[in-house]
Structure formats: C-alpha cells, structure tokens
C-alpha cells in the first residue's frame, strides 16, 4: 500500500451521527423573524416582537402566518 493513501472504510465502520428525537428536544432552538435585538424598537413594538418570538418558540415555527400574528396581537389586548 502506498504511503499517504487511505483505504476505504470496511463494512460495519459506519457511525450514525444523527440525533434521536429525545436528544433533539433537549436542544433549544431560537427562531426569530426579527432582528437579534429589540432595543431600537418602541416599547409597544418591542412587546409585540417578544410576544411573536415567544409564540414561535412555543410552536416551533420559524415564520408565522398573518392569522398567527393576529392572534398574538389580540392576545396582547389590542382590538380594532
């Protein structure tokens, strides 16, 4: 065998690196549609941004629909 060349892995050397569902649940995933910081927003806009971020975390959603946004806004007490 020549120096510096690696041989192909033999059967049975495969390592499955995928995580089990139990392991995936323990990894917190933060998903935001807005910027990383809400410091530049008005107090009302920051409250809405935090509420939407929380909704997305709880429901494991990266983006939300207009219906979900409306329900979040209504949950903050806003009305027409």
C-alpha atoms as a PDB file:
ATOM      1  CA  UNK A   1       0.000   0.000   0.000  1.00  0.00           C
ATOM      2  CA  UNK A   2       1.361   3.462  -0.846  1.00  0.00           C
ATOM      3  CA  UNK A   3       2.070   5.968   1.796  1.00  0.00           C
ATOM      4  CA  UNK A   4      -0.499   8.756   2.305  1.00  0.00           C
ATOM      5  CA  UNK A   5      -3.415   6.895   0.721  1.00  0.00           C
ATOM      6  CA  UNK A   6      -6.280   5.877   2.914  1.00  0.00           C
ATOM      7  CA  UNK A   7      -8.236   2.709   2.355  1.00  0.00           C
ATOM      8  CA  UNK A   8     -11.992   2.684   2.002  1.00  0.00           C
ATOM      9  CA  UNK A   9     -13.830   2.039   5.272  1.00  0.00           C
ATOM     10  CA  UNK A  10     -14.762  -1.560   5.820  1.00  0.00           C
ATOM     11  CA  UNK A  11     -18.303  -2.710   6.377  1.00  0.00           C
ATOM     12  CA  UNK A  12     -19.511  -2.085   9.928  1.00  0.00           C
ATOM     13  CA  UNK A  13     -17.420   1.062  10.499  1.00  0.00           C
ATOM     14  CA  UNK A  14     -20.317   3.452   9.777  1.00  0.00           C
ATOM     15  CA  UNK A  15     -21.092   5.789  12.665  1.00  0.00           C
ATOM     16  CA  UNK A  16     -24.652   7.150  12.680  1.00  0.00           C
ATOM     17  CA  UNK A  17     -24.317  10.773  13.828  1.00  0.00           C
ATOM     18  CA  UNK A  18     -27.991  11.678  13.586  1.00  0.00           C
ATOM     19  CA  UNK A  19     -29.628  12.675  16.826  1.00  0.00           C
ATOM     20  CA  UNK A  20     -32.509  10.757  18.315  1.00  0.00           C
ATOM     21  CA  UNK A  21     -35.826  12.603  18.804  1.00  0.00           C
ATOM     22  CA  UNK A  22     -35.188  12.726  22.568  1.00  0.00           C
ATOM     23  CA  UNK A  23     -31.824  14.413  22.002  1.00  0.00           C
ATOM     24  CA  UNK A  24     -33.328  16.941  19.575  1.00  0.00           C
ATOM     25  CA  UNK A  25     -35.949  18.030  22.127  1.00  0.00           C
ATOM     26  CA  UNK A  26     -33.227  18.917  24.625  1.00  0.00           C
ATOM     27  CA  UNK A  27     -31.537  21.328  22.196  1.00  0.00           C
ATOM     28  CA  UNK A  28     -33.097  24.789  22.487  1.00  0.00           C
ATOM     29  CA  UNK A  29     -33.642  26.337  19.071  1.00  0.00           C
ATOM     30  CA  UNK A  30     -34.313  30.037  18.950  1.00  0.00           C
ATOM     31  CA  UNK A  31     -36.073  31.124  15.787  1.00  0.00           C
ATOM     32  CA  UNK A  32     -36.655  34.765  15.047  1.00  0.00           C
ATOM     33  CA  UNK A  33     -38.121  36.626  12.156  1.00  0.00           C
ATOM     34  CA  UNK A  34     -36.976  39.958  13.549  1.00  0.00           C
ATOM     35  CA  UNK A  35     -33.505  41.293  14.303  1.00  0.00           C
ATOM     36  CA  UNK A  36     -31.420  39.873  17.126  1.00  0.00           C
ATOM     37  CA  UNK A  37     -32.177  42.858  19.323  1.00  0.00           C
ATOM     38  CA  UNK A  38     -35.355  44.759  20.056  1.00  0.00           C
ATOM     39  CA  UNK A  39     -33.507  47.729  21.568  1.00  0.00           C
ATOM     40  CA  UNK A  40     -34.234  50.073  18.634  1.00  0.00           C
ATOM     41  CA  UNK A  41     -37.984  49.471  18.775  1.00  0.00           C
ATOM     42  CA  UNK A  42     -40.613  51.488  20.598  1.00  0.00           C
ATOM     43  CA  UNK A  43     -41.883  49.851  23.812  1.00  0.00           C
ATOM     44  CA  UNK A  44     -45.091  48.665  22.101  1.00  0.00           C
ATOM     45  CA  UNK A  45     -43.213  47.265  19.083  1.00  0.00           C
ATOM     46  CA  UNK A  46     -40.696  45.529  21.376  1.00  0.00           C
ATOM     47  CA  UNK A  47     -43.568  43.956  23.330  1.00  0.00           C
ATOM     48  CA  UNK A  48     -45.086  42.668  20.077  1.00  0.00           C
ATOM     49  CA  UNK A  49     -41.721  41.362  18.875  1.00  0.00           C
ATOM     50  CA  UNK A  50     -41.161  39.486  22.155  1.00  0.00           C
ATOM     51  CA  UNK A  51     -44.691  38.041  22.021  1.00  0.00           C
ATOM     52  CA  UNK A  52     -44.176  36.837  18.438  1.00  0.00           C
ATOM     53  CA  UNK A  53     -40.756  35.397  19.314  1.00  0.00           C
ATOM     54  CA  UNK A  54     -42.321  33.552  22.242  1.00  0.00           C
ATOM     55  CA  UNK A  55     -45.135  32.243  20.036  1.00  0.00           C
ATOM     56  CA  UNK A  56     -42.595  30.926  17.528  1.00  0.00           C
ATOM     57  CA  UNK A  57     -40.531  29.261  20.249  1.00  0.00           C
ATOM     58  CA  UNK A  58     -43.541  27.555  21.813  1.00  0.00           C
ATOM     59  CA  UNK A  59     -44.986  26.403  18.485  1.00  0.00           C
ATOM     60  CA  UNK A  60     -41.583  25.612  16.912  1.00  0.00           C
ATOM     61  CA  UNK A  61     -42.217  27.877  13.941  1.00  0.00           C
ATOM     62  CA  UNK A  62     -39.638  29.860  12.018  1.00  0.00           C
ATOM     63  CA  UNK A  63     -42.185  32.072  10.277  1.00  0.00           C
ATOM     64  CA  UNK A  64     -45.782  32.708  11.228  1.00  0.00           C
ATOM     65  CA  UNK A  65     -48.904  33.351   9.191  1.00  0.00           C
ATOM     66  CA  UNK A  66     -50.971  36.520   9.343  1.00  0.00           C
ATOM     67  CA  UNK A  67     -53.598  34.602  11.333  1.00  0.00           C
ATOM     68  CA  UNK A  68     -50.992  33.615  13.924  1.00  0.00           C
ATOM     69  CA  UNK A  69     -49.725  37.190  14.079  1.00  0.00           C
ATOM     70  CA  UNK A  70     -53.266  38.482  14.548  1.00  0.00           C
ATOM     71  CA  UNK A  71     -53.912  36.005  17.365  1.00  0.00           C
ATOM     72  CA  UNK A  72     -50.668  37.151  19.044  1.00  0.00           C
ATOM     73  CA  UNK A  73     -51.668  40.807  18.713  1.00  0.00           C
ATOM     74  CA  UNK A  74     -55.124  40.073  20.110  1.00  0.00           C
ATOM     75  CA  UNK A  75     -53.578  38.113  22.988  1.00  0.00           C
ATOM     76  CA  UNK A  76     -51.754  41.316  23.973  1.00  0.00           C
ATOM     77  CA  UNK A  77     -55.140  43.035  24.349  1.00  0.00           C
ATOM     78  CA  UNK A  78     -55.240  45.024  21.139  1.00  0.00           C
ATOM     79  CA  UNK A  79     -58.542  45.396  19.331  1.00  0.00           C
ATOM     80  CA  UNK A  80     -59.926  47.264  16.355  1.00  0.00           C
END
